[in-house]
Amino acid sequence: MTNLLLRAGTAIALLFAAPVAIAQAADAPAAAAATTDADPALWVVKDDDTTIYLFGTVHVLKPGLSWFDEAVRKAFDASGELVTEIGGSPDPAAMQPLILKYGINMSGPSLTEKLPEAKRAAFAKAVAEMGVPLQAIDRFDPWLAATQLTMVAVAKLGYDPASGVEALLTAAAKESGKPLSGLETVEEQLSFFDSISEPAQIAFLVETLDQLDQAGPMLDTMVAEWAKGDAEGLAAVMNDGLKAAPELAKVLLADRNARWAEWIETRLAKPGVVFVAVGAGHLAGSESVQAFLTKRKLTAERIEY
C-alpha cells in the first residue's frame, strides 16, 4: 500500500510544510554531483486547434536526474500554459489550518488507541524514530500519520519535493510567464483523504507501518521505471498495492482520473497548447487518465523520443 501512498497526490509532498516533516527534511543526505539522463513518458491529446500534453511526474525526487530536456522541454516551451494537480506551491502558513481541519481529531480515542493492540509498539517506535514525542501526532487522523511516516522515511534517503518535477516545472512557468493553474485545490486533495472511512484509514496506517522499511526501495523502483519511460512497468509496480486498498484506490486514483479526463475533454473545446503534469501513477494502469479518455472516444498518443 505504500506505493499507493507515494502516487496519491501532490498534497502529500506539500505536507512537508507540517512541523513534523520539516524537522526531518533537514536530515536528508547531500545531493550527488553526478547527473543521470531520464526520459519519462509523454503523451498528447489534440484536435484541430487544441493540443494538450500529458506528462507524468514524481512529486519527490533526489537531485541529479536530467529529465527536463528533449521532447519534454520542447512540449513545455510550445505550451501557452501549465496545469498541475494543485497549480503551484501554496503558502505553508495556509496549509496549517487545512491540516488541522482535515487531518487532526482532538476528540475521542487517540490514534494509538484506534490501532490494533499488536501494532501500537511499532507505531510508537516509528514515531520515536522521527524524533518527536508520540503525543505530537497521537491526534493525527490515520491517513495523516501514514503520509508523514512515509514522507519522513523517504526524506531521510534524500527524496525532496524541492527536487520534484512540479517544483522545476512551476519555476520554469513563472520564469517564462506562463499561466499556472490546478486541476484541484490543496483543500480538495486533503478532503479526499479525510473522506476515506476510518477502518480503511486504519488499514492504510497498519500497512504503512508494515512496509515502512520498504518505502525507499519502492520509490527507487518507481523512479527507475519513470526515468526510462516504462509506463507498463510503472503500472505493474504501482498497481501491486491497489487490490488490498480498493476504497483508497477509488477515492485517490480512479475517481480523480475520471474527473481529469472530463476536464481534458472540456479543455479541447478551447484553442491553445497546454502542458498538463500530474503524478505518473495517474497515467499508468487500467484506470489511468488515458483509459478514461478512451471511454470518451479520445486518444492520448505516446510521443516517442
C-alpha atoms as a PDB file:
ATOM      1  CA  MET A   1       0.000   0.000   0.000  1.00  0.00           C
ATOM      2  CA  THR A   2       2.987   2.300   0.381  1.00  0.00           C
ATOM      3  CA  ASN A   3       3.230   2.563  -3.395  1.00  0.00           C
ATOM      4  CA  LEU A   4      -0.364   3.805  -3.455  1.00  0.00           C
ATOM      5  CA  LEU A   5       0.565   6.465  -0.933  1.00  0.00           C
ATOM      6  CA  LEU A   6       3.597   7.508  -2.962  1.00  0.00           C
ATOM      7  CA  ARG A   7       1.477   8.094  -6.055  1.00  0.00           C
ATOM      8  CA  ALA A   8      -1.643   9.583  -4.489  1.00  0.00           C
ATOM      9  CA  GLY A   9      -1.219  13.338  -4.777  1.00  0.00           C
ATOM     10  CA  THR A  10       0.908  16.445  -4.735  1.00  0.00           C
ATOM     11  CA  ALA A  11      -0.549  17.463  -1.382  1.00  0.00           C
ATOM     12  CA  ILE A  12       1.354  14.563   0.177  1.00  0.00           C
ATOM     13  CA  ALA A  13       4.638  16.211  -0.751  1.00  0.00           C
ATOM     14  CA  LEU A  14       3.324  19.534   0.473  1.00  0.00           C
ATOM     15  CA  LEU A  15       2.768  18.006   3.886  1.00  0.00           C
ATOM     16  CA  PHE A  16       6.474  18.625   4.350  1.00  0.00           C
ATOM     17  CA  ALA A  17       5.145  22.007   5.463  1.00  0.00           C
ATOM     18  CA  ALA A  18       3.862  20.307   8.612  1.00  0.00           C
ATOM     19  CA  PRO A  19       6.262  20.742  11.545  1.00  0.00           C
ATOM     20  CA  VAL A  20       6.923  17.010  11.919  1.00  0.00           C
ATOM     21  CA  ALA A  21       8.201  16.630   8.386  1.00  0.00           C
ATOM     22  CA  ILE A  22      10.104  19.877   8.232  1.00  0.00           C
ATOM     23  CA  ALA A  23      12.270  18.751  11.153  1.00  0.00           C
ATOM     24  CA  GLN A  24      13.306  15.606   9.291  1.00  0.00           C
ATOM     25  CA  ALA A  25      13.759  17.045   5.788  1.00  0.00           C
ATOM     26  CA  ALA A  26      16.869  18.865   7.007  1.00  0.00           C
ATOM     27  CA  ASP A  27      18.481  15.498   7.741  1.00  0.00           C
ATOM     28  CA  ALA A  28      18.319  14.369   4.084  1.00  0.00           C
ATOM     29  CA  PRO A  29      21.687  13.385   2.564  1.00  0.00           C
ATOM     30  CA  ALA A  30      23.540  15.918   0.429  1.00  0.00           C
ATOM     31  CA  ALA A  31      22.775  15.860  -3.300  1.00  0.00           C
ATOM     32  CA  ALA A  32      25.032  13.805  -5.504  1.00  0.00           C
ATOM     33  CA  ALA A  33      27.106  15.722  -8.063  1.00  0.00           C
ATOM     34  CA  ALA A  34      26.540  13.259 -10.918  1.00  0.00           C
ATOM     35  CA  THR A  35      23.684  13.775 -13.366  1.00  0.00           C
ATOM     36  CA  THR A  36      21.769  10.870 -14.896  1.00  0.00           C
ATOM     37  CA  ASP A  37      19.696  11.155 -18.054  1.00  0.00           C
ATOM     38  CA  ALA A  38      15.992  10.323 -17.743  1.00  0.00           C
ATOM     39  CA  ASP A  39      13.357  10.078 -20.471  1.00  0.00           C
ATOM     40  CA  PRO A  40       9.917   9.902 -18.803  1.00  0.00           C
ATOM     41  CA  ALA A  41       6.807   9.124 -20.818  1.00  0.00           C
ATOM     42  CA  LEU A  42       4.930  11.924 -22.556  1.00  0.00           C
ATOM     43  CA  TRP A  43       1.553  11.823 -24.299  1.00  0.00           C
ATOM     44  CA  VAL A  44      -0.500  14.243 -26.379  1.00  0.00           C
ATOM     45  CA  VAL A  45      -4.243  14.675 -26.925  1.00  0.00           C
ATOM     46  CA  LYS A  46      -5.278  17.040 -29.681  1.00  0.00           C
ATOM     47  CA  ASP A  47      -7.888  18.186 -32.136  1.00  0.00           C
ATOM     48  CA  ASP A  48      -7.776  20.764 -34.931  1.00  0.00           C
ATOM     49  CA  ASP A  49      -6.972  23.771 -32.746  1.00  0.00           C
ATOM     50  CA  THR A  50      -6.019  22.405 -29.310  1.00  0.00           C
ATOM     51  CA  THR A  51      -3.012  20.413 -28.124  1.00  0.00           C
ATOM     52  CA  ILE A  52      -2.804  19.025 -24.590  1.00  0.00           C
ATOM     53  CA  TYR A  53       0.410  17.347 -23.467  1.00  0.00           C
ATOM     54  CA  LEU A  54       0.174  14.828 -20.614  1.00  0.00           C
ATOM     55  CA  PHE A  55       3.298  14.359 -18.555  1.00  0.00           C
ATOM     56  CA  GLY A  56       3.649  12.057 -15.573  1.00  0.00           C
ATOM     57  CA  THR A  57       5.535  13.489 -12.616  1.00  0.00           C
ATOM     58  CA  VAL A  58       7.235  12.251  -9.491  1.00  0.00           C
ATOM     59  CA  HIS A  59       6.404  14.611  -6.637  1.00  0.00           C
ATOM     60  CA  VAL A  60       9.642  13.975  -4.718  1.00  0.00           C
ATOM     61  CA  LEU A  61      12.991  13.174  -6.318  1.00  0.00           C
ATOM     62  CA  LYS A  62      16.647  13.012  -5.431  1.00  0.00           C
ATOM     63  CA  PRO A  63      18.816  15.634  -7.151  1.00  0.00           C
ATOM     64  CA  GLY A  64      20.743  14.517 -10.214  1.00  0.00           C
ATOM     65  CA  LEU A  65      18.131  13.328 -12.736  1.00  0.00           C
ATOM     66  CA  SER A  66      18.157  15.219 -16.039  1.00  0.00           C
ATOM     67  CA  TRP A  67      14.591  14.893 -17.389  1.00  0.00           C
ATOM     68  CA  PHE A  68      13.588  18.450 -18.364  1.00  0.00           C
ATOM     69  CA  ASP A  69      15.043  18.328 -21.866  1.00  0.00           C
ATOM     70  CA  GLU A  70      14.432  16.786 -25.308  1.00  0.00           C
ATOM     71  CA  ALA A  71      10.731  16.192 -26.072  1.00  0.00           C
ATOM     72  CA  VAL A  72       9.572  17.209 -22.596  1.00  0.00           C
ATOM     73  CA  ARG A  73      11.234  20.617 -22.811  1.00  0.00           C
ATOM     74  CA  LYS A  74      10.056  21.087 -26.406  1.00  0.00           C
ATOM     75  CA  ALA A  75       6.441  20.363 -25.408  1.00  0.00           C
ATOM     76  CA  PHE A  76       6.675  22.640 -22.384  1.00  0.00           C
ATOM     77  CA  ASP A  77       8.180  25.507 -24.402  1.00  0.00           C
ATOM     78  CA  ALA A  78       5.469  25.125 -27.049  1.00  0.00           C
ATOM     79  CA  SER A  79       2.707  25.325 -24.440  1.00  0.00           C
ATOM     80  CA  GLY A  80       0.929  28.527 -23.510  1.00  0.00           C
ATOM     81  CA  GLU A  81       0.064  27.395 -20.001  1.00  0.00           C
ATOM     82  CA  LEU A  82       0.986  24.865 -17.308  1.00  0.00           C
ATOM     83  CA  VAL A  83      -1.635  22.849 -15.440  1.00  0.00           C
ATOM     84  CA  THR A  84      -0.623  20.710 -12.457  1.00  0.00           C
ATOM     85  CA  GLU A  85      -2.606  18.876  -9.794  1.00  0.00           C
ATOM     86  CA  ILE A  86      -2.768  21.882  -7.470  1.00  0.00           C
ATOM     87  CA  GLY A  87      -1.308  24.732  -9.511  1.00  0.00           C
ATOM     88  CA  GLY A  88       1.872  25.608  -7.660  1.00  0.00           C
ATOM     89  CA  SER A  89       3.036  25.683  -4.071  1.00  0.00           C
ATOM     90  CA  PRO A  90       0.730  27.370  -1.551  1.00  0.00           C
ATOM     91  CA  ASP A  91       1.949  29.370   1.395  1.00  0.00           C
ATOM     92  CA  PRO A  92       2.927  26.881   4.132  1.00  0.00           C
ATOM     93  CA  ALA A  93       1.017  29.050   6.597  1.00  0.00           C
ATOM     94  CA  ALA A  94      -2.132  28.418   4.565  1.00  0.00           C
ATOM     95  CA  MET A  95      -1.578  24.674   4.857  1.00  0.00           C
ATOM     96  CA  GLN A  96      -1.716  24.630   8.633  1.00  0.00           C
ATOM     97  CA  PRO A  97      -5.444  25.371   9.088  1.00  0.00           C
ATOM     98  CA  LEU A  98      -6.253  22.860   6.326  1.00  0.00           C
ATOM     99  CA  ILE A  99      -4.211  20.164   8.054  1.00  0.00           C
ATOM    100  CA  LEU A 100      -5.979  20.983  11.313  1.00  0.00           C
ATOM    101  CA  LYS A 101      -9.346  20.769   9.557  1.00  0.00           C
ATOM    102  CA  TYR A 102      -8.813  17.558   7.622  1.00  0.00           C
ATOM    103  CA  GLY A 103      -6.072  15.717   9.491  1.00  0.00           C
ATOM    104  CA  ILE A 104      -6.403  16.365  13.225  1.00  0.00           C
ATOM    105  CA  ASN A 105      -9.009  14.975  15.612  1.00  0.00           C
ATOM    106  CA  MET A 106      -8.921  16.402  19.120  1.00  0.00           C
ATOM    107  CA  SER A 107     -11.832  14.362  20.483  1.00  0.00           C
ATOM    108  CA  GLY A 108     -12.425  10.673  21.050  1.00  0.00           C
ATOM    109  CA  PRO A 109      -9.781   7.947  21.261  1.00  0.00           C
ATOM    110  CA  SER A 110      -6.178   8.742  20.416  1.00  0.00           C
ATOM    111  CA  LEU A 111      -4.592   7.297  17.300  1.00  0.00           C
ATOM    112  CA  THR A 112      -2.686   4.775  19.410  1.00  0.00           C
ATOM    113  CA  GLU A 113      -5.967   3.591  20.926  1.00  0.00           C
ATOM    114  CA  LYS A 114      -7.512   3.217  17.477  1.00  0.00           C
ATOM    115  CA  LEU A 115      -4.730   0.951  16.281  1.00  0.00           C
ATOM    116  CA  PRO A 116      -4.852  -2.814  16.804  1.00  0.00           C
ATOM    117  CA  GLU A 117      -3.016  -3.568  20.041  1.00  0.00           C
ATOM    118  CA  ALA A 118      -0.432  -5.639  18.194  1.00  0.00           C
ATOM    119  CA  LYS A 119       0.577  -2.590  16.106  1.00  0.00           C
ATOM    120  CA  ARG A 120       0.882   0.011  18.862  1.00  0.00           C
ATOM    121  CA  ALA A 121       4.506  -0.743  19.704  1.00  0.00           C
ATOM    122  CA  ALA A 122       5.502  -0.496  16.039  1.00  0.00           C
ATOM    123  CA  PHE A 123       3.681   2.837  15.773  1.00  0.00           C
ATOM    124  CA  ALA A 124       5.412   4.221  18.868  1.00  0.00           C
ATOM    125  CA  LYS A 125       8.789   3.040  17.549  1.00  0.00           C
ATOM    126  CA  ALA A 126       8.218   4.641  14.129  1.00  0.00           C
ATOM    127  CA  VAL A 127       7.189   7.936  15.728  1.00  0.00           C
ATOM    128  CA  ALA A 128      10.204   7.886  18.048  1.00  0.00           C
ATOM    129  CA  GLU A 129      12.482   7.415  15.040  1.00  0.00           C
ATOM    130  CA  MET A 130      11.002  10.611  13.633  1.00  0.00           C
ATOM    131  CA  GLY A 131      12.437  12.376  16.655  1.00  0.00           C
ATOM    132  CA  VAL A 132       9.160  13.732  18.011  1.00  0.00           C
ATOM    133  CA  PRO A 133       7.047  12.877  21.071  1.00  0.00           C
ATOM    134  CA  LEU A 134       4.211  10.458  20.496  1.00  0.00           C
ATOM    135  CA  GLN A 135       1.677  12.988  21.736  1.00  0.00           C
ATOM    136  CA  ALA A 136       2.677  15.286  18.866  1.00  0.00           C
ATOM    137  CA  ILE A 137       0.933  13.040  16.345  1.00  0.00           C
ATOM    138  CA  ASP A 138      -1.372  10.947  18.512  1.00  0.00           C
ATOM    139  CA  ARG A 139      -4.265  13.203  17.482  1.00  0.00           C
ATOM    140  CA  PHE A 140      -3.500  12.852  13.774  1.00  0.00           C
ATOM    141  CA  ASP A 141      -6.024  11.088  11.601  1.00  0.00           C
ATOM    142  CA  PRO A 142      -4.615   7.745  10.442  1.00  0.00           C
ATOM    143  CA  TRP A 143      -4.139   8.962   6.847  1.00  0.00           C
ATOM    144  CA  LEU A 144      -2.069  11.933   8.010  1.00  0.00           C
ATOM    145  CA  ALA A 145       0.110   9.791  10.251  1.00  0.00           C
ATOM    146  CA  ALA A 146       0.690   7.356   7.376  1.00  0.00           C
ATOM    147  CA  THR A 147       1.709  10.122   4.979  1.00  0.00           C
ATOM    148  CA  GLN A 148       4.039  11.749   7.490  1.00  0.00           C
ATOM    149  CA  LEU A 149       5.747   8.488   8.386  1.00  0.00           C
ATOM    150  CA  THR A 150       6.287   7.632   4.733  1.00  0.00           C
ATOM    151  CA  MET A 151       7.460  11.058   3.638  1.00  0.00           C
ATOM    152  CA  VAL A 152       9.890  11.339   6.542  1.00  0.00           C
ATOM    153  CA  ALA A 153      11.262   7.896   5.671  1.00  0.00           C
ATOM    154  CA  VAL A 154      11.940   8.848   2.048  1.00  0.00           C
ATOM    155  CA  ALA A 155      13.263  12.299   3.068  1.00  0.00           C
ATOM    156  CA  LYS A 156      15.954  10.574   5.105  1.00  0.00           C
ATOM    157  CA  LEU A 157      17.011   8.825   1.877  1.00  0.00           C
ATOM    158  CA  GLY A 158      17.401  12.113   0.011  1.00  0.00           C
ATOM    159  CA  TYR A 159      13.986  12.476  -1.643  1.00  0.00           C
ATOM    160  CA  ASP A 160      12.762  16.052  -1.580  1.00  0.00           C
ATOM    161  CA  PRO A 161       9.753  17.930  -3.028  1.00  0.00           C
ATOM    162  CA  ALA A 162      12.168  20.780  -3.873  1.00  0.00           C
ATOM    163  CA  SER A 163      13.784  18.402  -6.375  1.00  0.00           C
ATOM    164  CA  GLY A 164      10.453  17.034  -7.576  1.00  0.00           C
ATOM    165  CA  VAL A 165       9.070  17.563 -11.052  1.00  0.00           C
ATOM    166  CA  GLU A 166       6.376  20.050 -10.030  1.00  0.00           C
ATOM    167  CA  ALA A 167       8.922  22.328  -8.364  1.00  0.00           C
ATOM    168  CA  LEU A 168      11.020  22.626 -11.515  1.00  0.00           C
ATOM    169  CA  LEU A 169       8.038  22.987 -13.859  1.00  0.00           C
ATOM    170  CA  THR A 170       6.464  25.636 -11.648  1.00  0.00           C
ATOM    171  CA  ALA A 171       9.704  27.619 -11.533  1.00  0.00           C
ATOM    172  CA  ALA A 172      10.072  27.377 -15.326  1.00  0.00           C
ATOM    173  CA  ALA A 173       6.482  28.520 -15.858  1.00  0.00           C
ATOM    174  CA  LYS A 174       6.992  31.537 -13.634  1.00  0.00           C
ATOM    175  CA  GLU A 175      10.265  32.391 -15.347  1.00  0.00           C
ATOM    176  CA  SER A 176       8.679  32.245 -18.799  1.00  0.00           C
ATOM    177  CA  GLY A 177       5.468  33.977 -17.755  1.00  0.00           C
ATOM    178  CA  LYS A 178       3.201  31.011 -18.454  1.00  0.00           C
ATOM    179  CA  PRO A 179      -0.146  30.974 -16.631  1.00  0.00           C
ATOM    180  CA  LEU A 180      -0.265  28.267 -13.964  1.00  0.00           C
ATOM    181  CA  SER A 181      -3.439  26.601 -12.726  1.00  0.00           C
ATOM    182  CA  GLY A 182      -4.536  23.420 -10.949  1.00  0.00           C
ATOM    183  CA  LEU A 183      -6.916  20.577 -11.635  1.00  0.00           C
ATOM    184  CA  GLU A 184      -7.693  20.579  -7.913  1.00  0.00           C
ATOM    185  CA  THR A 185      -7.059  22.683  -4.848  1.00  0.00           C
ATOM    186  CA  VAL A 186      -4.943  21.622  -1.895  1.00  0.00           C
ATOM    187  CA  GLU A 187      -8.073  21.582   0.223  1.00  0.00           C
ATOM    188  CA  GLU A 188      -9.752  19.206  -2.208  1.00  0.00           C
ATOM    189  CA  GLN A 189      -6.792  16.838  -2.112  1.00  0.00           C
ATOM    190  CA  LEU A 190      -6.737  16.793   1.667  1.00  0.00           C
ATOM    191  CA  SER A 191     -10.504  16.315   1.753  1.00  0.00           C
ATOM    192  CA  PHE A 192     -10.135  13.206  -0.406  1.00  0.00           C
ATOM    193  CA  PHE A 193      -8.030  11.586   2.306  1.00  0.00           C
ATOM    194  CA  ASP A 194     -10.417  12.791   5.000  1.00  0.00           C
ATOM    195  CA  SER A 195     -13.382  11.240   3.149  1.00  0.00           C
ATOM    196  CA  ILE A 196     -11.919   7.738   3.420  1.00  0.00           C
ATOM    197  CA  SER A 197     -13.645   5.650   6.071  1.00  0.00           C
ATOM    198  CA  GLU A 198     -11.846   5.239   9.388  1.00  0.00           C
ATOM    199  CA  PRO A 199     -11.463   1.439   9.032  1.00  0.00           C
ATOM    200  CA  ALA A 200      -9.813   1.959   5.635  1.00  0.00           C
ATOM    201  CA  GLN A 201      -7.572   4.665   7.105  1.00  0.00           C
ATOM    202  CA  ILE A 202      -6.539   2.380   9.961  1.00  0.00           C
ATOM    203  CA  ALA A 203      -5.739  -0.386   7.478  1.00  0.00           C
ATOM    204  CA  PHE A 204      -3.767   2.174   5.490  1.00  0.00           C
ATOM    205  CA  LEU A 205      -1.689   3.119   8.528  1.00  0.00           C
ATOM    206  CA  VAL A 206      -1.155  -0.504   9.597  1.00  0.00           C
ATOM    207  CA  GLU A 207       0.053  -1.401   6.105  1.00  0.00           C
ATOM    208  CA  THR A 208       2.322   1.656   6.135  1.00  0.00           C
ATOM    209  CA  LEU A 209       3.875   0.517   9.425  1.00  0.00           C
ATOM    210  CA  ASP A 210       4.398  -2.965   7.989  1.00  0.00           C
ATOM    211  CA  GLN A 211       6.042  -1.621   4.830  1.00  0.00           C
ATOM    212  CA  LEU A 212       7.822   1.456   6.144  1.00  0.00           C
ATOM    213  CA  ASP A 213      11.287  -0.003   5.675  1.00  0.00           C
ATOM    214  CA  GLN A 214      10.340  -0.700   2.046  1.00  0.00           C
ATOM    215  CA  ALA A 215       9.234   2.868   1.224  1.00  0.00           C
ATOM    216  CA  GLY A 216      12.670   3.832  -0.067  1.00  0.00           C
ATOM    217  CA  PRO A 217      13.223   0.751  -2.245  1.00  0.00           C
ATOM    218  CA  MET A 218       9.660   1.037  -3.600  1.00  0.00           C
ATOM    219  CA  LEU A 219      10.204   4.663  -4.546  1.00  0.00           C
ATOM    220  CA  ASP A 220      13.601   3.825  -6.039  1.00  0.00           C
ATOM    221  CA  THR A 221      11.914   1.234  -8.263  1.00  0.00           C
ATOM    222  CA  MET A 222       9.120   3.594  -9.252  1.00  0.00           C
ATOM    223  CA  VAL A 223      11.569   6.365 -10.156  1.00  0.00           C
ATOM    224  CA  ALA A 224      13.676   3.934 -12.198  1.00  0.00           C
ATOM    225  CA  GLU A 225      10.618   2.874 -14.232  1.00  0.00           C
ATOM    226  CA  TRP A 226       9.554   6.501 -14.618  1.00  0.00           C
ATOM    227  CA  ALA A 227      13.019   7.614 -15.707  1.00  0.00           C
ATOM    228  CA  LYS A 228      13.189   5.088 -18.534  1.00  0.00           C
ATOM    229  CA  GLY A 229       9.636   5.861 -19.698  1.00  0.00           C
ATOM    230  CA  ASP A 230       8.346   2.361 -18.999  1.00  0.00           C
ATOM    231  CA  ALA A 231       4.649   3.108 -18.408  1.00  0.00           C
ATOM    232  CA  GLU A 232       3.697  -0.573 -18.279  1.00  0.00           C
ATOM    233  CA  GLY A 233       6.460  -1.338 -15.794  1.00  0.00           C
ATOM    234  CA  LEU A 234       5.414   1.617 -13.686  1.00  0.00           C
ATOM    235  CA  ALA A 235       1.811   0.433 -13.742  1.00  0.00           C
ATOM    236  CA  ALA A 236       2.867  -3.044 -12.626  1.00  0.00           C
ATOM    237  CA  VAL A 237       4.808  -1.650  -9.667  1.00  0.00           C
ATOM    238  CA  MET A 238       2.111   0.785  -8.637  1.00  0.00           C
ATOM    239  CA  ASN A 239      -0.909  -1.420  -9.143  1.00  0.00           C
ATOM    240  CA  ASP A 240       0.561  -4.087  -6.905  1.00  0.00           C
ATOM    241  CA  GLY A 241      -0.882  -2.410  -3.818  1.00  0.00           C
ATOM    242  CA  LEU A 242      -4.275  -1.455  -5.202  1.00  0.00           C
ATOM    243  CA  LYS A 243      -6.027  -4.778  -4.657  1.00  0.00           C
ATOM    244  CA  ALA A 244      -5.547  -4.509  -0.908  1.00  0.00           C
ATOM    245  CA  ALA A 245      -6.975  -0.975  -0.779  1.00  0.00           C
ATOM    246  CA  PRO A 246      -9.987  -0.687  -3.115  1.00  0.00           C
ATOM    247  CA  GLU A 247     -11.537   2.252  -1.255  1.00  0.00           C
ATOM    248  CA  LEU A 248      -8.338   4.269  -1.312  1.00  0.00           C
ATOM    249  CA  ALA A 249      -7.694   3.383  -4.950  1.00  0.00           C
ATOM    250  CA  LYS A 250     -11.154   4.592  -5.934  1.00  0.00           C
ATOM    251  CA  VAL A 251     -11.032   7.859  -3.973  1.00  0.00           C
ATOM    252  CA  LEU A 252      -7.406   8.800  -4.610  1.00  0.00           C
ATOM    253  CA  LEU A 253      -6.954   7.495  -8.136  1.00  0.00           C
ATOM    254  CA  ALA A 254      -9.863   6.264 -10.249  1.00  0.00           C
ATOM    255  CA  ASP A 255     -12.373   8.974  -9.347  1.00  0.00           C
ATOM    256  CA  ARG A 256      -9.823  11.724  -9.851  1.00  0.00           C
ATOM    257  CA  ASN A 257      -8.618  10.279 -13.147  1.00  0.00           C
ATOM    258  CA  ALA A 258     -12.200  10.240 -14.424  1.00  0.00           C
ATOM    259  CA  ARG A 259     -12.647  13.903 -13.481  1.00  0.00           C
ATOM    260  CA  TRP A 260      -9.370  14.863 -15.125  1.00  0.00           C
ATOM    261  CA  ALA A 261     -10.380  13.100 -18.342  1.00  0.00           C
ATOM    262  CA  GLU A 262     -13.582  15.133 -18.299  1.00  0.00           C
ATOM    263  CA  TRP A 263     -11.509  18.295 -17.780  1.00  0.00           C
ATOM    264  CA  ILE A 264      -9.348  17.418 -20.791  1.00  0.00           C
ATOM    265  CA  GLU A 265     -12.393  16.836 -22.983  1.00  0.00           C
ATOM    266  CA  THR A 266     -13.830  20.191 -21.937  1.00  0.00           C
ATOM    267  CA  ARG A 267     -10.494  21.966 -22.462  1.00  0.00           C
ATOM    268  CA  LEU A 268     -10.297  20.662 -26.036  1.00  0.00           C
ATOM    269  CA  ALA A 269     -13.166  22.990 -26.884  1.00  0.00           C
ATOM    270  CA  LYS A 270     -10.848  25.974 -26.307  1.00  0.00           C
ATOM    271  CA  PRO A 271      -7.930  26.606 -28.717  1.00  0.00           C
ATOM    272  CA  GLY A 272      -4.385  26.585 -27.410  1.00  0.00           C
ATOM    273  CA  VAL A 273      -1.492  24.426 -26.257  1.00  0.00           C
ATOM    274  CA  VAL A 274      -1.486  23.165 -22.671  1.00  0.00           C
ATOM    275  CA  PHE A 275       1.122  21.233 -20.680  1.00  0.00           C
ATOM    276  CA  VAL A 276      -0.612  19.081 -18.056  1.00  0.00           C
ATOM    277  CA  ALA A 277       1.618  17.492 -15.413  1.00  0.00           C
ATOM    278  CA  VAL A 278       0.161  15.029 -12.897  1.00  0.00           C
ATOM    279  CA  GLY A 279       1.555  12.172 -10.830  1.00  0.00           C
ATOM    280  CA  ALA A 280       2.905   9.454 -13.118  1.00  0.00           C
ATOM    281  CA  GLY A 281       0.707   6.835 -11.442  1.00  0.00           C
ATOM    282  CA  HIS A 282      -2.358   8.600 -12.817  1.00  0.00           C
ATOM    283  CA  LEU A 283      -1.089   7.919 -16.347  1.00  0.00           C
ATOM    284  CA  ALA A 284      -0.483   4.201 -15.840  1.00  0.00           C
ATOM    285  CA  GLY A 285      -2.702   1.162 -15.384  1.00  0.00           C
ATOM    286  CA  SER A 286      -6.205   0.064 -16.289  1.00  0.00           C
ATOM    287  CA  GLU A 287      -7.903   3.086 -14.668  1.00  0.00           C
ATOM    288  CA  SER A 288      -5.477   5.714 -15.912  1.00  0.00           C
ATOM    289  CA  VAL A 289      -6.435   9.099 -17.296  1.00  0.00           C
ATOM    290  CA  GLN A 290      -5.814   7.675 -20.781  1.00  0.00           C
ATOM    291  CA  ALA A 291      -8.242   4.827 -20.104  1.00  0.00           C
ATOM    292  CA  PHE A 292     -10.958   7.285 -19.121  1.00  0.00           C
ATOM    293  CA  LEU A 293     -10.171   9.363 -22.209  1.00  0.00           C
ATOM    294  CA  THR A 294     -10.715   6.263 -24.337  1.00  0.00           C
ATOM    295  CA  LYS A 295     -14.191   5.914 -22.817  1.00  0.00           C
ATOM    296  CA  ARG A 296     -14.823   9.444 -24.063  1.00  0.00           C
ATOM    297  CA  LYS A 297     -13.599   8.440 -27.521  1.00  0.00           C
ATOM    298  CA  LEU A 298     -10.433  10.494 -27.151  1.00  0.00           C
ATOM    299  CA  THR A 299      -6.932   9.184 -27.826  1.00  0.00           C
ATOM    300  CA  ALA A 300      -3.765  10.029 -25.933  1.00  0.00           C
ATOM    301  CA  GLU A 301      -0.819   9.274 -28.246  1.00  0.00           C
ATOM    302  CA  ARG A 302       2.579   8.426 -26.774  1.00  0.00           C
ATOM    303  CA  ILE A 303       5.331  10.738 -28.006  1.00  0.00           C
ATOM    304  CA  GLU A 304       8.418   8.679 -28.777  1.00  0.00           C
ATOM    305  CA  TYR A 305      11.780  10.320 -28.204  1.00  0.00           C
END
